[in-house]
Amino acid sequence: MDPKPWRDRISDEDRLLEQLNQLASASADRRAQALLDGVNELGTIADVARDRGVSWTAVDKSIKKYERKKASQKDATTE
């Protein structure tokens, strides 16, 4: 059996990378929503960061990125 041509292998890997990127994006969204739930429960971003053992800026950036993404999706659906 001949090995798969290199062009086909590249196409296969491109499809796989696209799937992985979509999965990673969905995971980041779920994580950010969980962080927001933590803020609602504990009171502040700093409290969530302390609880998770990460910097407050990491928590803040995740939440802000998620909120910007949600806002842009909402704007796209109202146009």
N, C-alpha and C. Protein backbone atom coordinates (compact mmCIF):
# COMPACT_ATOMS: atom_id res chain seq x y z
N MET A 1 0.83 -1.17 0.00
CA MET A 1 0.00 0.00 0.00
C MET A 1 0.89 1.25 0.00
N ASP A 2 0.60 2.16 -0.90
CA ASP A 2 1.37 3.39 -1.00
C ASP A 2 0.99 4.35 0.12
N PRO A 3 1.97 5.08 0.62
CA PRO A 3 1.63 6.08 1.64
C PRO A 3 0.75 7.18 1.04
N LYS A 4 0.00 7.80 1.89
CA LYS A 4 -0.88 8.88 1.46
C LYS A 4 -0.03 10.03 0.92
N PRO A 5 -0.45 10.64 -0.19
CA PRO A 5 0.31 11.77 -0.74
C PRO A 5 0.41 12.92 0.28
N TRP A 6 1.49 13.65 0.21
CA TRP A 6 1.74 14.70 1.19
C TRP A 6 0.66 15.78 1.17
N ARG A 7 0.13 16.10 0.01
CA ARG A 7 -0.93 17.13 -0.07
C ARG A 7 -2.18 16.67 0.69
N ASP A 8 -2.50 15.40 0.56
CA ASP A 8 -3.66 14.86 1.28
C ASP A 8 -3.41 14.86 2.79
N ARG A 9 -2.18 14.54 3.18
CA ARG A 9 -1.85 14.55 4.61
C ARG A 9 -1.96 15.96 5.18
N ILE A 10 -1.51 16.95 4.42
CA ILE A 10 -1.61 18.34 4.88
C ILE A 10 -3.08 18.73 5.01
N SER A 11 -3.90 18.37 4.04
CA SER A 11 -5.33 18.68 4.11
C SER A 11 -5.97 18.03 5.33
N ASP A 12 -5.62 16.78 5.58
CA ASP A 12 -6.15 16.07 6.75
C ASP A 12 -5.77 16.79 8.04
N GLU A 13 -4.52 17.20 8.13
CA GLU A 13 -4.05 17.88 9.34
C GLU A 13 -4.69 19.26 9.49
N ASP A 14 -4.91 19.95 8.37
CA ASP A 14 -5.59 21.25 8.43
C ASP A 14 -7.01 21.09 8.98
N ARG A 15 -7.71 20.06 8.54
CA ARG A 15 -9.05 19.79 9.05
C ARG A 15 -9.01 19.48 10.55
N LEU A 16 -8.05 18.67 10.95
CA LEU A 16 -7.91 18.32 12.36
C LEU A 16 -7.60 19.56 13.21
N LEU A 17 -6.70 20.41 12.72
CA LEU A 17 -6.38 21.64 13.46
C LEU A 17 -7.59 22.54 13.60
N GLU A 18 -8.41 22.63 12.58
CA GLU A 18 -9.63 23.44 12.65
C GLU A 18 -10.57 22.88 13.72
N GLN A 19 -10.73 21.57 13.75
CA GLN A 19 -11.58 20.94 14.77
C GLN A 19 -11.03 21.21 16.17
N LEU A 20 -9.73 21.08 16.32
CA LEU A 20 -9.10 21.31 17.63
C LEU A 20 -9.26 22.77 18.06
N ASN A 21 -9.11 23.70 17.13
CA ASN A 21 -9.30 25.11 17.45
C ASN A 21 -10.73 25.39 17.91
N GLN A 22 -11.70 24.77 17.25
CA GLN A 22 -13.10 24.95 17.64
C GLN A 22 -13.34 24.37 19.04
N LEU A 23 -12.77 23.21 19.30
CA LEU A 23 -12.91 22.60 20.63
C LEU A 23 -12.26 23.46 21.71
N ALA A 24 -11.07 23.99 21.42
CA ALA A 24 -10.37 24.83 22.39
C ALA A 24 -11.16 26.11 22.65
N SER A 25 -11.73 26.69 21.62
CA SER A 25 -12.53 27.90 21.78
C SER A 25 -13.77 27.64 22.64
N ALA A 26 -14.44 26.55 22.37
CA ALA A 26 -15.63 26.19 23.16
C ALA A 26 -15.24 25.93 24.62
N SER A 27 -14.10 25.29 24.84
CA SER A 27 -13.63 25.03 26.19
C SER A 27 -13.31 26.34 26.92
N ALA A 28 -12.67 27.27 26.23
CA ALA A 28 -12.35 28.57 26.83
C ALA A 28 -13.62 29.32 27.21
N ASP A 29 -14.66 29.21 26.38
CA ASP A 29 -15.94 29.85 26.69
C ASP A 29 -16.56 29.25 27.95
N ARG A 30 -16.56 27.93 28.04
CA ARG A 30 -17.12 27.27 29.22
C ARG A 30 -16.33 27.63 30.48
N ARG A 31 -15.02 27.70 30.35
CA ARG A 31 -14.16 28.05 31.49
C ARG A 31 -14.46 29.48 31.94
N ALA A 32 -14.57 30.40 31.00
CA ALA A 32 -14.86 31.79 31.35
C ALA A 32 -16.22 31.91 32.03
N GLN A 33 -17.19 31.15 31.54
CA GLN A 33 -18.51 31.18 32.18
C GLN A 33 -18.42 30.64 33.61
N ALA A 34 -17.62 29.61 33.81
CA ALA A 34 -17.41 29.08 35.16
C ALA A 34 -16.72 30.11 36.05
N LEU A 35 -15.77 30.85 35.49
CA LEU A 35 -15.12 31.91 36.26
C LEU A 35 -16.13 32.98 36.66
N LEU A 36 -17.02 33.34 35.74
CA LEU A 36 -18.08 34.30 36.07
C LEU A 36 -18.98 33.77 37.17
N ASP A 37 -19.29 32.49 37.11
CA ASP A 37 -20.09 31.88 38.17
C ASP A 37 -19.36 31.97 39.51
N GLY A 38 -18.05 31.79 39.46
CA GLY A 38 -17.24 31.92 40.67
C GLY A 38 -17.27 33.34 41.22
N VAL A 39 -17.21 34.32 40.33
CA VAL A 39 -17.29 35.72 40.76
C VAL A 39 -18.64 35.97 41.42
N ASN A 40 -19.70 35.43 40.83
CA ASN A 40 -21.03 35.60 41.42
C ASN A 40 -21.11 34.96 42.81
N GLU A 41 -20.44 33.83 42.97
CA GLU A 41 -20.47 33.13 44.26
C GLU A 41 -19.56 33.77 45.30
N LEU A 42 -18.33 34.09 44.89
CA LEU A 42 -17.33 34.57 45.86
C LEU A 42 -17.30 36.09 46.00
N GLY A 43 -17.75 36.79 44.98
CA GLY A 43 -17.85 38.25 45.10
C GLY A 43 -16.94 39.06 44.20
N THR A 44 -15.69 38.63 44.02
CA THR A 44 -14.77 39.42 43.21
C THR A 44 -13.89 38.51 42.35
N ILE A 45 -13.32 39.12 41.32
CA ILE A 45 -12.36 38.41 40.48
C ILE A 45 -11.15 37.99 41.31
N ALA A 46 -10.72 38.87 42.21
CA ALA A 46 -9.57 38.55 43.06
C ALA A 46 -9.84 37.34 43.95
N ASP A 47 -11.06 37.23 44.45
CA ASP A 47 -11.41 36.08 45.28
C ASP A 47 -11.36 34.78 44.48
N VAL A 48 -11.84 34.84 43.25
CA VAL A 48 -11.79 33.66 42.37
C VAL A 48 -10.33 33.30 42.07
N ALA A 49 -9.53 34.31 41.77
CA ALA A 49 -8.12 34.07 41.47
C ALA A 49 -7.41 33.43 42.66
N ARG A 50 -7.65 33.95 43.85
CA ARG A 50 -7.03 33.35 45.05
C ARG A 50 -7.48 31.91 45.24
N ASP A 51 -8.77 31.66 45.03
CA ASP A 51 -9.31 30.31 45.19
C ASP A 51 -8.67 29.34 44.21
N ARG A 52 -8.42 29.81 42.99
CA ARG A 52 -7.86 28.95 41.95
C ARG A 52 -6.33 28.94 41.94
N GLY A 53 -5.72 29.86 42.66
CA GLY A 53 -4.26 29.92 42.70
C GLY A 53 -3.65 30.51 41.45
N VAL A 54 -4.36 31.45 40.83
CA VAL A 54 -3.86 32.12 39.63
C VAL A 54 -3.93 33.63 39.86
N SER A 55 -3.32 34.38 38.95
CA SER A 55 -3.36 35.84 39.09
C SER A 55 -4.74 36.37 38.74
N TRP A 56 -5.07 37.50 39.36
CA TRP A 56 -6.38 38.10 39.06
C TRP A 56 -6.43 38.58 37.62
N THR A 57 -5.26 38.96 37.06
CA THR A 57 -5.26 39.42 35.66
C THR A 57 -5.60 38.28 34.71
N ALA A 58 -5.18 37.06 35.03
CA ALA A 58 -5.52 35.92 34.18
C ALA A 58 -7.02 35.68 34.18
N VAL A 59 -7.63 35.76 35.35
CA VAL A 59 -9.08 35.58 35.45
C VAL A 59 -9.79 36.71 34.72
N ASP A 60 -9.34 37.94 34.96
CA ASP A 60 -9.95 39.11 34.34
C ASP A 60 -9.88 39.04 32.82
N LYS A 61 -8.71 38.68 32.29
CA LYS A 61 -8.54 38.60 30.84
C LYS A 61 -9.45 37.53 30.23
N SER A 62 -9.56 36.39 30.89
CA SER A 62 -10.43 35.32 30.38
C SER A 62 -11.88 35.78 30.32
N ILE A 63 -12.32 36.43 31.38
CA ILE A 63 -13.70 36.90 31.44
C ILE A 63 -13.95 37.98 30.39
N LYS A 64 -13.04 38.94 30.29
CA LYS A 64 -13.23 40.03 29.32
C LYS A 64 -13.23 39.52 27.89
N LYS A 65 -12.34 38.59 27.58
CA LYS A 65 -12.30 38.03 26.23
C LYS A 65 -13.63 37.35 25.91
N TYR A 66 -14.14 36.59 26.86
CA TYR A 66 -15.42 35.89 26.70
C TYR A 66 -16.55 36.89 26.51
N GLU A 67 -16.58 37.94 27.31
CA GLU A 67 -17.65 38.93 27.20
C GLU A 67 -17.58 39.69 25.88
N ARG A 68 -16.37 39.99 25.40
CA ARG A 68 -16.24 40.64 24.08
C ARG A 68 -16.74 39.72 22.97
N LYS A 69 -16.41 38.44 23.09
CA LYS A 69 -16.85 37.47 22.08
C LYS A 69 -18.37 37.37 22.07
N LYS A 70 -18.97 37.29 23.25
CA LYS A 70 -20.43 37.22 23.34
C LYS A 70 -21.08 38.48 22.76
N ALA A 71 -20.50 39.64 23.07
CA ALA A 71 -21.05 40.90 22.57
C ALA A 71 -20.96 40.98 21.05
N SER A 72 -19.84 40.53 20.50
CA SER A 72 -19.70 40.59 19.04
C SER A 72 -20.64 39.61 18.36
N GLN A 73 -20.89 38.46 18.97
CA GLN A 73 -21.84 37.51 18.41
C GLN A 73 -23.25 38.06 18.47
N LYS A 74 -23.56 38.75 19.56
CA LYS A 74 -24.88 39.35 19.71
C LYS A 74 -25.07 40.46 18.67
N ASP A 75 -24.04 41.29 18.47
CA ASP A 75 -24.10 42.35 17.47
C ASP A 75 -24.28 41.78 16.07
N ALA A 76 -23.62 40.66 15.80
CA ALA A 76 -23.71 40.04 14.47
C ALA A 76 -25.11 39.51 14.21
N THR A 77 -25.80 39.06 15.23
CA THR A 77 -27.15 38.51 15.03
C THR A 77 -28.20 39.59 14.94
N THR A 78 -27.90 40.80 15.42
CA THR A 78 -28.89 41.88 15.37
C THR A 78 -28.75 42.73 14.12
N GLU A 79 -27.74 42.49 13.33
CA GLU A 79 -27.55 43.27 12.10
C GLU A 79 -28.38 42.72 10.97
